[in-house]
């Protein structure tokens, strides 16, 4: 991971942690602060050990053998050798929409899942670009980083919901008047989850750009990944995919969920056009 990206990510995680503590203190004083800390530790612990299993199960991913997917195994083994990474577990998702994701708390416990549509659509150079992107997420510990960010954001949102119900049923603290009263609590209830979500999205988008760059450098050129992203963008605009909100952020491109009406500003992924243009600049300047 480049030092600049690492520093910025740590800063955003620090802001999320500080926001969590601020929310806990605002809604419950020392007791709320303790609740926030305990909640963050429990949620992060669960996410650290079980998020990969949850993501694979919810996506319908099935283990795939070398005999069933020899091309996939060849590409992954070749790139793992270049990146000095252990071989991850490989999975196939029975979905027509082309896509892929990596998960796991560290390189020794990593998994890479690809859809059936991806294996049918990509040529070897494009597949190599996609896999290099996913292995870069593994090598940069991005899955752990984004999991921690999502966990902190979820804890903040949970505390805000608890506070909202507390206000509805008259559970406000006696010293609220000295802290700005009900208005300040209402602002915190609605603005804290929004701020947490925006900080989480900032981390997620930054990690995608970094994985694109690292993946292109791992392969030696960005051409395969550029072509793959162009195909993924075109096909994922047409083919819905049964991805949950929790897993959609893991995929190399944001899946089109059934019933989705528009591309939201609050997307976990940066615009594909921007990612492709950044990669094209690499091909000029490298």
C-alpha atoms as a PDB file:
ATOM      1  CA  UNK A   1       0.000   0.000   0.000  1.00  0.00           C
ATOM      2  CA  UNK A   2       1.411   3.405  -0.909  1.00  0.00           C
ATOM      3  CA  UNK A   3       2.329   5.446   2.170  1.00  0.00           C
ATOM      4  CA  UNK A   4       0.135   8.406   1.128  1.00  0.00           C
ATOM      5  CA  UNK A   5      -2.938   6.206   0.775  1.00  0.00           C
ATOM      6  CA  UNK A   6      -2.120   4.426   4.040  1.00  0.00           C
ATOM      7  CA  UNK A   7      -1.854   7.708   5.954  1.00  0.00           C
ATOM      8  CA  UNK A   8      -5.120   9.039   4.503  1.00  0.00           C
ATOM      9  CA  UNK A   9      -6.916   5.782   5.309  1.00  0.00           C
ATOM     10  CA  UNK A  10      -5.646   5.808   8.902  1.00  0.00           C
ATOM     11  CA  UNK A  11      -6.804   9.416   9.245  1.00  0.00           C
ATOM     12  CA  UNK A  12     -10.308   8.584   8.027  1.00  0.00           C
ATOM     13  CA  UNK A  13     -10.490   5.555  10.337  1.00  0.00           C
ATOM     14  CA  UNK A  14      -9.390   7.842  13.160  1.00  0.00           C
ATOM     15  CA  UNK A  15     -12.189  10.263  12.302  1.00  0.00           C
ATOM     16  CA  UNK A  16     -14.700   7.418  12.332  1.00  0.00           C
ATOM     17  CA  UNK A  17     -13.437   6.212  15.710  1.00  0.00           C
ATOM     18  CA  UNK A  18     -13.575   9.744  17.103  1.00  0.00           C
ATOM     19  CA  UNK A  19     -17.109  10.186  15.768  1.00  0.00           C
ATOM     20  CA  UNK A  20     -18.152   6.937  17.439  1.00  0.00           C
ATOM     21  CA  UNK A  21     -16.799   8.116  20.791  1.00  0.00           C
ATOM     22  CA  UNK A  22     -18.401  11.538  20.364  1.00  0.00           C
ATOM     23  CA  UNK A  23     -21.779   9.954  19.640  1.00  0.00           C
ATOM     24  CA  UNK A  24     -21.463   7.664  22.647  1.00  0.00           C
ATOM     25  CA  UNK A  25     -20.499  10.530  24.945  1.00  0.00           C
ATOM     26  CA  UNK A  26     -23.259  12.824  23.629  1.00  0.00           C
ATOM     27  CA  UNK A  27     -26.005  10.263  24.104  1.00  0.00           C
ATOM     28  CA  UNK A  28     -24.854   8.647  27.329  1.00  0.00           C
ATOM     29  CA  UNK A  29     -21.921  10.455  28.926  1.00  0.00           C
ATOM     30  CA  UNK A  30     -19.292   8.106  30.408  1.00  0.00           C
ATOM     31  CA  UNK A  31     -21.728   5.192  30.205  1.00  0.00           C
ATOM     32  CA  UNK A  32     -22.448   5.952  26.553  1.00  0.00           C
ATOM     33  CA  UNK A  33     -18.724   6.196  25.872  1.00  0.00           C
ATOM     34  CA  UNK A  34     -18.179   2.793  27.460  1.00  0.00           C
ATOM     35  CA  UNK A  35     -21.064   1.336  25.453  1.00  0.00           C
ATOM     36  CA  UNK A  36     -19.600   2.748  22.228  1.00  0.00           C
ATOM     37  CA  UNK A  37     -16.149   1.312  22.954  1.00  0.00           C
ATOM     38  CA  UNK A  38     -17.551  -2.094  23.887  1.00  0.00           C
ATOM     39  CA  UNK A  39     -19.801  -2.142  20.857  1.00  0.00           C
ATOM     40  CA  UNK A  40     -16.913  -1.251  18.532  1.00  0.00           C
ATOM     41  CA  UNK A  41     -14.673  -3.974  20.004  1.00  0.00           C
ATOM     42  CA  UNK A  42     -17.365  -6.647  19.746  1.00  0.00           C
ATOM     43  CA  UNK A  43     -18.400  -5.706  16.213  1.00  0.00           C
ATOM     44  CA  UNK A  44     -14.817  -5.421  14.968  1.00  0.00           C
ATOM     45  CA  UNK A  45     -13.938  -8.783  16.507  1.00  0.00           C
ATOM     46  CA  UNK A  46     -16.871 -10.472  14.826  1.00  0.00           C
ATOM     47  CA  UNK A  47     -16.151  -8.784  11.518  1.00  0.00           C
ATOM     48  CA  UNK A  48     -12.451  -9.693  11.706  1.00  0.00           C
ATOM     49  CA  UNK A  49     -13.081 -13.418  12.053  1.00  0.00           C
ATOM     50  CA  UNK A  50     -16.353 -14.012  10.233  1.00  0.00           C
ATOM     51  CA  UNK A  51     -16.887 -11.354   7.531  1.00  0.00           C
ATOM     52  CA  UNK A  52     -15.330 -13.546   4.803  1.00  0.00           C
ATOM     53  CA  UNK A  53     -17.611 -16.496   5.591  1.00  0.00           C
ATOM     54  CA  UNK A  54     -20.655 -14.224   5.653  1.00  0.00           C
ATOM     55  CA  UNK A  55     -19.734 -12.603   2.323  1.00  0.00           C
ATOM     56  CA  UNK A  56     -19.146 -15.940   0.581  1.00  0.00           C
ATOM     57  CA  UNK A  57     -22.327 -17.507   1.958  1.00  0.00           C
ATOM     58  CA  UNK A  58     -24.547 -14.523   1.151  1.00  0.00           C
ATOM     59  CA  UNK A  59     -23.226 -14.339  -2.423  1.00  0.00           C
ATOM     60  CA  UNK A  60     -23.914 -18.033  -3.044  1.00  0.00           C
ATOM     61  CA  UNK A  61     -20.233 -18.701  -3.799  1.00  0.00           C
ATOM     62  CA  UNK A  62     -19.215 -22.355  -4.143  1.00  0.00           C
ATOM     63  CA  UNK A  63     -15.659 -23.767  -3.927  1.00  0.00           C
ATOM     64  CA  UNK A  64     -14.238 -24.489  -7.364  1.00  0.00           C
ATOM     65  CA  UNK A  65     -11.529 -27.050  -8.138  1.00  0.00           C
ATOM     66  CA  UNK A  66      -8.622 -26.841 -10.571  1.00  0.00           C
ATOM     67  CA  UNK A  67     -10.337 -29.407 -12.769  1.00  0.00           C
ATOM     68  CA  UNK A  68     -13.464 -27.232 -12.967  1.00  0.00           C
ATOM     69  CA  UNK A  69     -11.608 -23.942 -13.588  1.00  0.00           C
ATOM     70  CA  UNK A  70      -8.062 -24.568 -14.854  1.00  0.00           C
ATOM     71  CA  UNK A  71      -7.718 -21.110 -16.463  1.00  0.00           C
ATOM     72  CA  UNK A  72      -8.679 -19.379 -13.213  1.00  0.00           C
ATOM     73  CA  UNK A  73      -6.191 -21.433 -11.198  1.00  0.00           C
ATOM     74  CA  UNK A  74      -3.389 -20.763 -13.706  1.00  0.00           C
ATOM     75  CA  UNK A  75      -3.925 -16.992 -13.606  1.00  0.00           C
ATOM     76  CA  UNK A  76      -4.216 -16.830  -9.803  1.00  0.00           C
ATOM     77  CA  UNK A  77      -1.138 -18.998  -9.228  1.00  0.00           C
ATOM     78  CA  UNK A  78       0.952 -16.961 -11.667  1.00  0.00           C
ATOM     79  CA  UNK A  79       0.003 -13.650 -10.079  1.00  0.00           C
ATOM     80  CA  UNK A  80       0.405 -14.958  -6.523  1.00  0.00           C
ATOM     81  CA  UNK A  81       3.940 -15.993  -7.457  1.00  0.00           C
ATOM     82  CA  UNK A  82       4.707 -12.492  -8.745  1.00  0.00           C
ATOM     83  CA  UNK A  83       3.145 -10.833  -5.696  1.00  0.00           C
ATOM     84  CA  UNK A  84       4.677 -13.296  -3.212  1.00  0.00           C
ATOM     85  CA  UNK A  85       1.235 -14.152  -1.857  1.00  0.00           C
ATOM     86  CA  UNK A  86      -0.096 -17.514  -0.655  1.00  0.00           C
ATOM     87  CA  UNK A  87      -2.698 -19.118  -2.882  1.00  0.00           C
ATOM     88  CA  UNK A  88      -6.192 -17.989  -1.850  1.00  0.00           C
ATOM     89  CA  UNK A  89      -9.234 -20.238  -1.838  1.00  0.00           C
ATOM     90  CA  UNK A  90     -11.162 -19.908  -5.093  1.00  0.00           C
ATOM     91  CA  UNK A  91     -14.940 -19.764  -5.456  1.00  0.00           C
ATOM     92  CA  UNK A  92     -17.451 -19.574  -8.293  1.00  0.00           C
ATOM     93  CA  UNK A  93     -20.674 -17.558  -7.971  1.00  0.00           C
ATOM     94  CA  UNK A  94     -23.519 -18.882 -10.174  1.00  0.00           C
ATOM     95  CA  UNK A  95     -24.464 -15.454 -11.538  1.00  0.00           C
ATOM     96  CA  UNK A  96     -24.767 -14.328 -15.152  1.00  0.00           C
ATOM     97  CA  UNK A  97     -23.530 -10.794 -14.385  1.00  0.00           C
ATOM     98  CA  UNK A  98     -19.711 -10.626 -14.683  1.00  0.00           C
ATOM     99  CA  UNK A  99     -18.058  -9.623 -11.409  1.00  0.00           C
ATOM    100  CA  UNK A 100     -15.531 -10.680  -8.764  1.00  0.00           C
ATOM    101  CA  UNK A 101     -14.487  -9.944  -5.208  1.00  0.00           C
ATOM    102  CA  UNK A 102     -11.825 -10.860  -2.655  1.00  0.00           C
ATOM    103  CA  UNK A 103     -12.356 -11.300   1.057  1.00  0.00           C
ATOM    104  CA  UNK A 104     -10.454 -12.471   4.118  1.00  0.00           C
ATOM    105  CA  UNK A 105      -8.745 -10.808   7.059  1.00  0.00           C
ATOM    106  CA  UNK A 106      -5.196 -11.317   5.758  1.00  0.00           C
ATOM    107  CA  UNK A 107      -3.317 -12.980   2.870  1.00  0.00           C
ATOM    108  CA  UNK A 108      -3.195 -16.322   4.709  1.00  0.00           C
ATOM    109  CA  UNK A 109      -6.982 -16.390   5.060  1.00  0.00           C
ATOM    110  CA  UNK A 110      -7.983 -14.905   1.705  1.00  0.00           C
ATOM    111  CA  UNK A 111     -10.603 -16.020  -0.790  1.00  0.00           C
ATOM    112  CA  UNK A 112     -11.307 -14.858  -4.327  1.00  0.00           C
ATOM    113  CA  UNK A 113     -14.752 -15.357  -5.834  1.00  0.00           C
ATOM    114  CA  UNK A 114     -15.668 -14.850  -9.488  1.00  0.00           C
ATOM    115  CA  UNK A 115     -19.022 -15.136 -11.204  1.00  0.00           C
ATOM    116  CA  UNK A 116     -19.802 -17.589 -13.968  1.00  0.00           C
ATOM    117  CA  UNK A 117     -20.503 -14.595 -16.204  1.00  0.00           C
ATOM    118  CA  UNK A 118     -17.002 -13.213 -15.630  1.00  0.00           C
ATOM    119  CA  UNK A 119     -15.351 -16.491 -16.654  1.00  0.00           C
ATOM    120  CA  UNK A 120     -17.425 -16.617 -19.839  1.00  0.00           C
ATOM    121  CA  UNK A 121     -16.858 -12.977 -20.827  1.00  0.00           C
ATOM    122  CA  UNK A 122     -13.189 -12.260 -20.087  1.00  0.00           C
ATOM    123  CA  UNK A 123     -10.224 -13.212 -22.221  1.00  0.00           C
ATOM    124  CA  UNK A 124      -7.010 -14.171 -20.411  1.00  0.00           C
ATOM    125  CA  UNK A 125      -5.545 -10.637 -20.300  1.00  0.00           C
ATOM    126  CA  UNK A 126      -8.792  -9.225 -18.896  1.00  0.00           C
ATOM    127  CA  UNK A 127      -9.115 -12.021 -16.360  1.00  0.00           C
ATOM    128  CA  UNK A 128      -5.527 -11.384 -15.307  1.00  0.00           C
ATOM    129  CA  UNK A 129      -6.325  -7.704 -14.790  1.00  0.00           C
ATOM    130  CA  UNK A 130      -9.371  -8.501 -12.647  1.00  0.00           C
ATOM    131  CA  UNK A 131      -7.527 -11.061 -10.516  1.00  0.00           C
ATOM    132  CA  UNK A 132      -4.555  -8.710 -10.059  1.00  0.00           C
ATOM    133  CA  UNK A 133      -6.974  -6.049  -8.779  1.00  0.00           C
ATOM    134  CA  UNK A 134      -8.491  -8.477  -6.275  1.00  0.00           C
ATOM    135  CA  UNK A 135      -5.120  -9.793  -5.109  1.00  0.00           C
ATOM    136  CA  UNK A 136      -4.044  -6.186  -4.566  1.00  0.00           C
ATOM    137  CA  UNK A 137      -6.948  -5.797  -2.157  1.00  0.00           C
ATOM    138  CA  UNK A 138      -5.605  -8.856  -0.311  1.00  0.00           C
ATOM    139  CA  UNK A 139      -1.997  -7.660  -0.292  1.00  0.00           C
ATOM    140  CA  UNK A 140      -3.003  -4.171   0.904  1.00  0.00           C
ATOM    141  CA  UNK A 141      -5.240  -5.567   3.696  1.00  0.00           C
ATOM    142  CA  UNK A 142      -8.109  -3.584   2.167  1.00  0.00           C
ATOM    143  CA  UNK A 143     -10.733  -6.102   3.190  1.00  0.00           C
ATOM    144  CA  UNK A 144      -9.787  -5.677   6.842  1.00  0.00           C
ATOM    145  CA  UNK A 145      -9.679  -1.874   6.506  1.00  0.00           C
ATOM    146  CA  UNK A 146     -13.076  -1.580   4.851  1.00  0.00           C
ATOM    147  CA  UNK A 147     -14.564  -4.090   7.299  1.00  0.00           C
ATOM    148  CA  UNK A 148     -13.384  -2.025  10.261  1.00  0.00           C
ATOM    149  CA  UNK A 149     -14.752   1.145   8.636  1.00  0.00           C
ATOM    150  CA  UNK A 150     -18.113  -0.502   7.977  1.00  0.00           C
ATOM    151  CA  UNK A 151     -18.218  -1.802  11.537  1.00  0.00           C
ATOM    152  CA  UNK A 152     -17.529   1.621  13.058  1.00  0.00           C
ATOM    153  CA  UNK A 153     -20.169   3.187  10.816  1.00  0.00           C
ATOM    154  CA  UNK A 154     -22.681   0.510  11.829  1.00  0.00           C
ATOM    155  CA  UNK A 155     -21.935   1.113  15.519  1.00  0.00           C
ATOM    156  CA  UNK A 156     -22.506   4.854  15.097  1.00  0.00           C
ATOM    157  CA  UNK A 157     -25.786   4.246  13.295  1.00  0.00           C
ATOM    158  CA  UNK A 158     -26.872   1.777  15.969  1.00  0.00           C
ATOM    159  CA  UNK A 159     -26.187   4.250  18.765  1.00  0.00           C
ATOM    160  CA  UNK A 160     -28.064   6.976  16.884  1.00  0.00           C
ATOM    161  CA  UNK A 161     -31.086   4.679  16.553  1.00  0.00           C
ATOM    162  CA  UNK A 162     -30.930   3.853  20.267  1.00  0.00           C
ATOM    163  CA  UNK A 163     -30.823   7.566  21.082  1.00  0.00           C
ATOM    164  CA  UNK A 164     -33.736   8.287  18.769  1.00  0.00           C
ATOM    165  CA  UNK A 165     -35.927   5.731  20.501  1.00  0.00           C
ATOM    166  CA  UNK A 166     -34.696   7.026  23.851  1.00  0.00           C
ATOM    167  CA  UNK A 167     -35.898  10.510  22.964  1.00  0.00           C
ATOM    168  CA  UNK A 168     -39.235   9.186  21.739  1.00  0.00           C
ATOM    169  CA  UNK A 169     -39.840   7.416  25.031  1.00  0.00           C
ATOM    170  CA  UNK A 170     -38.479  10.239  27.201  1.00  0.00           C
ATOM    171  CA  UNK A 171     -35.040   8.816  27.834  1.00  0.00           C
ATOM    172  CA  UNK A 172     -33.072  12.046  27.360  1.00  0.00           C
ATOM    173  CA  UNK A 173     -30.421  12.847  29.966  1.00  0.00           C
ATOM    174  CA  UNK A 174     -31.125  15.433  32.636  1.00  0.00           C
ATOM    175  CA  UNK A 175     -28.183  17.619  31.674  1.00  0.00           C
ATOM    176  CA  UNK A 176     -29.229  17.859  28.018  1.00  0.00           C
ATOM    177  CA  UNK A 177     -30.082  21.541  28.521  1.00  0.00           C
ATOM    178  CA  UNK A 178     -26.445  22.309  29.325  1.00  0.00           C
ATOM    179  CA  UNK A 179     -25.370  20.551  26.099  1.00  0.00           C
ATOM    180  CA  UNK A 180     -27.725  22.274  23.744  1.00  0.00           C
ATOM    181  CA  UNK A 181     -30.854  20.360  24.587  1.00  0.00           C
ATOM    182  CA  UNK A 182     -32.983  18.374  22.211  1.00  0.00           C
ATOM    183  CA  UNK A 183     -31.858  20.280  19.116  1.00  0.00           C
ATOM    184  CA  UNK A 184     -28.224  19.202  19.453  1.00  0.00           C
ATOM    185  CA  UNK A 185     -29.285  15.610  20.070  1.00  0.00           C
ATOM    186  CA  UNK A 186     -31.511  15.624  17.016  1.00  0.00           C
ATOM    187  CA  UNK A 187     -28.678  16.970  14.896  1.00  0.00           C
ATOM    188  CA  UNK A 188     -26.365  14.262  16.193  1.00  0.00           C
ATOM    189  CA  UNK A 189     -28.969  11.547  15.619  1.00  0.00           C
ATOM    190  CA  UNK A 190     -29.354  12.444  11.943  1.00  0.00           C
ATOM    191  CA  UNK A 191     -25.959  13.879  11.024  1.00  0.00           C
ATOM    192  CA  UNK A 192     -23.682  11.346  12.760  1.00  0.00           C
ATOM    193  CA  UNK A 193     -24.831   8.338  10.675  1.00  0.00           C
ATOM    194  CA  UNK A 194     -24.575  10.443   7.499  1.00  0.00           C
ATOM    195  CA  UNK A 195     -21.040  11.546   8.381  1.00  0.00           C
ATOM    196  CA  UNK A 196     -20.086   7.950   9.212  1.00  0.00           C
ATOM    197  CA  UNK A 197     -21.423   6.725   5.881  1.00  0.00           C
ATOM    198  CA  UNK A 198     -19.550   9.409   3.919  1.00  0.00           C
ATOM    199  CA  UNK A 199     -16.281   8.592   5.701  1.00  0.00           C
ATOM    200  CA  UNK A 200     -16.829   4.893   5.016  1.00  0.00           C
ATOM    201  CA  UNK A 201     -17.464   5.589   1.327  1.00  0.00           C
ATOM    202  CA  UNK A 202     -14.328   7.719   1.169  1.00  0.00           C
ATOM    203  CA  UNK A 203     -12.247   4.755   2.339  1.00  0.00           C
ATOM    204  CA  UNK A 204     -13.975   2.339  -0.032  1.00  0.00           C
ATOM    205  CA  UNK A 205     -13.468   4.547  -3.094  1.00  0.00           C
ATOM    206  CA  UNK A 206      -9.833   5.261  -2.241  1.00  0.00           C
ATOM    207  CA  UNK A 207      -9.166   1.524  -1.914  1.00  0.00           C
ATOM    208  CA  UNK A 208     -10.594   0.874  -5.397  1.00  0.00           C
ATOM    209  CA  UNK A 209      -8.270   3.397  -7.025  1.00  0.00           C
ATOM    210  CA  UNK A 210      -5.299   1.961  -5.115  1.00  0.00           C
ATOM    211  CA  UNK A 211      -6.178  -1.619  -6.089  1.00  0.00           C
ATOM    212  CA  UNK A 212      -6.521  -0.612  -9.749  1.00  0.00           C
ATOM    213  CA  UNK A 213      -3.054   0.926  -9.677  1.00  0.00           C
ATOM    214  CA  UNK A 214      -1.450  -1.921  -7.722  1.00  0.00           C
ATOM    215  CA  UNK A 215      -3.107  -4.526  -9.933  1.00  0.00           C
ATOM    216  CA  UNK A 216      -1.894  -2.851 -13.118  1.00  0.00           C
ATOM    217  CA  UNK A 217       1.659  -2.678 -11.732  1.00  0.00           C
ATOM    218  CA  UNK A 218       1.502  -6.338 -10.714  1.00  0.00           C
ATOM    219  CA  UNK A 219       0.615  -7.381 -14.262  1.00  0.00           C
ATOM    220  CA  UNK A 220       3.051  -4.886 -15.799  1.00  0.00           C
ATOM    221  CA  UNK A 221       0.505  -2.823 -17.744  1.00  0.00           C
ATOM    222  CA  UNK A 222      -3.071  -1.549 -17.279  1.00  0.00           C
ATOM    223  CA  UNK A 223      -4.466  -2.675 -20.647  1.00  0.00           C
ATOM    224  CA  UNK A 224      -6.157  -5.877 -19.485  1.00  0.00           C
ATOM    225  CA  UNK A 225      -7.786  -4.190 -16.500  1.00  0.00           C
ATOM    226  CA  UNK A 226      -8.957  -1.245 -18.636  1.00  0.00           C
ATOM    227  CA  UNK A 227     -10.618  -3.608 -21.113  1.00  0.00           C
ATOM    228  CA  UNK A 228     -12.117  -5.658 -18.269  1.00  0.00           C
ATOM    229  CA  UNK A 229     -13.586  -2.585 -16.557  1.00  0.00           C
ATOM    230  CA  UNK A 230     -15.110  -1.416 -19.846  1.00  0.00           C
ATOM    231  CA  UNK A 231     -16.808  -4.793 -20.302  1.00  0.00           C
ATOM    232  CA  UNK A 232     -17.879  -4.978 -16.660  1.00  0.00           C
ATOM    233  CA  UNK A 233     -19.406  -1.516 -16.829  1.00  0.00           C
ATOM    234  CA  UNK A 234     -21.389  -2.324 -19.971  1.00  0.00           C
ATOM    235  CA  UNK A 235     -22.715  -5.692 -18.811  1.00  0.00           C
ATOM    236  CA  UNK A 236     -23.480  -4.665 -15.234  1.00  0.00           C
ATOM    237  CA  UNK A 237     -25.727  -1.887 -16.502  1.00  0.00           C
ATOM    238  CA  UNK A 238     -27.945  -4.535 -18.071  1.00  0.00           C
ATOM    239  CA  UNK A 239     -27.800  -7.648 -15.903  1.00  0.00           C
ATOM    240  CA  UNK A 240     -29.130  -7.401 -12.323  1.00  0.00           C
ATOM    241  CA  UNK A 241     -27.285  -9.355  -9.640  1.00  0.00           C
ATOM    242  CA  UNK A 242     -28.577 -10.634  -6.315  1.00  0.00           C
ATOM    243  CA  UNK A 243     -26.004  -8.850  -4.148  1.00  0.00           C
ATOM    244  CA  UNK A 244     -26.746  -7.603  -0.646  1.00  0.00           C
ATOM    245  CA  UNK A 245     -25.727  -4.059   0.379  1.00  0.00           C
ATOM    246  CA  UNK A 246     -23.109  -5.602   2.681  1.00  0.00           C
ATOM    247  CA  UNK A 247     -21.412  -7.532  -0.143  1.00  0.00           C
ATOM    248  CA  UNK A 248     -21.903  -5.150  -3.085  1.00  0.00           C
ATOM    249  CA  UNK A 249     -19.057  -2.951  -1.852  1.00  0.00           C
ATOM    250  CA  UNK A 250     -16.645  -5.901  -2.175  1.00  0.00           C
ATOM    251  CA  UNK A 251     -17.113  -6.417  -5.917  1.00  0.00           C
ATOM    252  CA  UNK A 252     -14.727  -4.940  -8.481  1.00  0.00           C
ATOM    253  CA  UNK A 253     -17.667  -2.981  -9.932  1.00  0.00           C
ATOM    254  CA  UNK A 254     -20.895  -2.160  -8.121  1.00  0.00           C
ATOM    255  CA  UNK A 255     -23.543  -4.741  -9.070  1.00  0.00           C
ATOM    256  CA  UNK A 256     -26.864  -3.574 -10.454  1.00  0.00           C
ATOM    257  CA  UNK A 257     -29.322  -4.715  -7.787  1.00  0.00           C
ATOM    258  CA  UNK A 258     -32.826  -5.773  -8.869  1.00  0.00           C
ATOM    259  CA  UNK A 259     -35.131  -2.765  -8.716  1.00  0.00           C
ATOM    260  CA  UNK A 260     -32.325  -0.199  -8.567  1.00  0.00           C
ATOM    261  CA  UNK A 261     -33.482   2.979 -10.277  1.00  0.00           C
ATOM    262  CA  UNK A 262     -30.429   5.229 -10.323  1.00  0.00           C
ATOM    263  CA  UNK A 263     -26.744   5.440  -9.542  1.00  0.00           C
ATOM    264  CA  UNK A 264     -26.504   7.107  -6.179  1.00  0.00           C
ATOM    265  CA  UNK A 265     -24.048   9.739  -5.059  1.00  0.00           C
ATOM    266  CA  UNK A 266     -23.514   7.480  -2.061  1.00  0.00           C
ATOM    267  CA  UNK A 267     -21.887   4.691  -4.059  1.00  0.00           C
ATOM    268  CA  UNK A 268     -19.166   2.518  -2.571  1.00  0.00           C
ATOM    269  CA  UNK A 269     -17.298   2.660  -5.895  1.00  0.00           C
ATOM    270  CA  UNK A 270     -15.811   5.614  -7.765  1.00  0.00           C
ATOM    271  CA  UNK A 271     -17.193   6.214 -11.286  1.00  0.00           C
ATOM    272  CA  UNK A 272     -15.884   3.632 -13.746  1.00  0.00           C
ATOM    273  CA  UNK A 273     -15.004   6.349 -16.243  1.00  0.00           C
ATOM    274  CA  UNK A 274     -12.707   7.968 -13.668  1.00  0.00           C
ATOM    275  CA  UNK A 275     -11.048   4.661 -12.829  1.00  0.00           C
ATOM    276  CA  UNK A 276     -10.446   3.882 -16.501  1.00  0.00           C
ATOM    277  CA  UNK A 277      -9.062   7.362 -17.191  1.00  0.00           C
ATOM    278  CA  UNK A 278      -6.682   7.045 -14.236  1.00  0.00           C
ATOM    279  CA  UNK A 279      -5.440   3.720 -15.590  1.00  0.00           C
ATOM    280  CA  UNK A 280      -5.003   5.211 -19.072  1.00  0.00           C
ATOM    281  CA  UNK A 281      -2.847   7.941 -17.531  1.00  0.00           C
ATOM    282  CA  UNK A 282      -0.713   5.171 -16.024  1.00  0.00           C
ATOM    283  CA  UNK A 283      -0.180   3.682 -19.481  1.00  0.00           C
ATOM    284  CA  UNK A 284       1.081   7.077 -20.647  1.00  0.00           C
ATOM    285  CA  UNK A 285       3.303   7.922 -17.691  1.00  0.00           C
ATOM    286  CA  UNK A 286       4.676   4.559 -16.560  1.00  0.00           C
END
